[in-house]
Amino acid sequence: MVIFEFPDMAQLKAWYRSPAYRPLLELRKRTANWTLVAVEGVAQP
């Protein structure tokens, strides 16, 4: 299990769709069984 934290969902989507991540995403799709779960958290007081 790997957990990434982003300030908001928009930044998560920007990272996931970025040209820099694209080659790694393609590699991961070919070589691993995976499920991406994105959960919005609770704002810190």
Protein backbone atom coordinates (compact mmCIF):
# COMPACT_ATOMS: atom_id res chain seq x y z
CA MET A 1 0.00 0.00 0.00
CA VAL A 2 1.21 3.47 -0.88
CA ILE A 3 -0.36 6.66 0.44
CA PHE A 4 0.15 10.02 -1.24
CA GLU A 5 -1.14 13.28 0.17
CA PHE A 6 -2.12 16.28 -1.93
CA PRO A 7 -3.49 19.64 -0.79
CA ASP A 8 -6.67 19.09 -2.81
CA MET A 9 -8.25 16.87 -5.47
CA ALA A 10 -7.37 19.30 -8.26
CA GLN A 11 -3.66 18.93 -7.53
CA LEU A 12 -3.98 15.14 -7.39
CA LYS A 13 -5.61 15.15 -10.83
CA ALA A 14 -2.99 17.53 -12.21
CA TRP A 15 -0.20 15.21 -11.01
CA TYR A 16 -1.93 12.06 -12.30
CA ARG A 17 -2.46 13.61 -15.75
CA SER A 18 0.92 15.34 -15.97
CA PRO A 19 3.33 14.63 -18.83
CA ALA A 20 6.07 13.91 -16.29
CA TYR A 21 4.06 11.09 -14.66
CA ARG A 22 2.69 9.59 -17.90
CA PRO A 23 5.64 7.22 -18.62
CA LEU A 24 5.53 5.90 -15.05
CA LEU A 25 1.77 5.43 -15.23
CA GLU A 26 2.10 3.40 -18.43
CA LEU A 27 4.79 1.25 -16.82
CA ARG A 28 2.64 0.70 -13.74
CA LYS A 29 -0.38 -0.25 -15.87
CA ARG A 30 1.67 -2.90 -17.70
CA THR A 31 3.42 -4.42 -14.70
CA ALA A 32 1.22 -4.22 -11.62
CA ASN A 33 -2.21 -5.04 -10.30
CA TRP A 34 -3.39 -1.79 -8.78
CA THR A 35 -6.36 0.19 -7.66
CA LEU A 36 -6.34 3.94 -7.19
CA VAL A 37 -8.58 5.24 -4.43
CA ALA A 38 -8.82 9.02 -4.00
CA VAL A 39 -10.41 10.23 -0.81
CA GLU A 40 -10.96 13.84 0.17
CA GLY A 41 -9.91 14.38 3.74
CA VAL A 42 -11.00 16.67 6.49
CA ALA A 43 -9.61 20.19 6.61
CA GLN A 44 -7.22 20.91 9.46
CA PRO A 45 -8.51 23.45 12.02
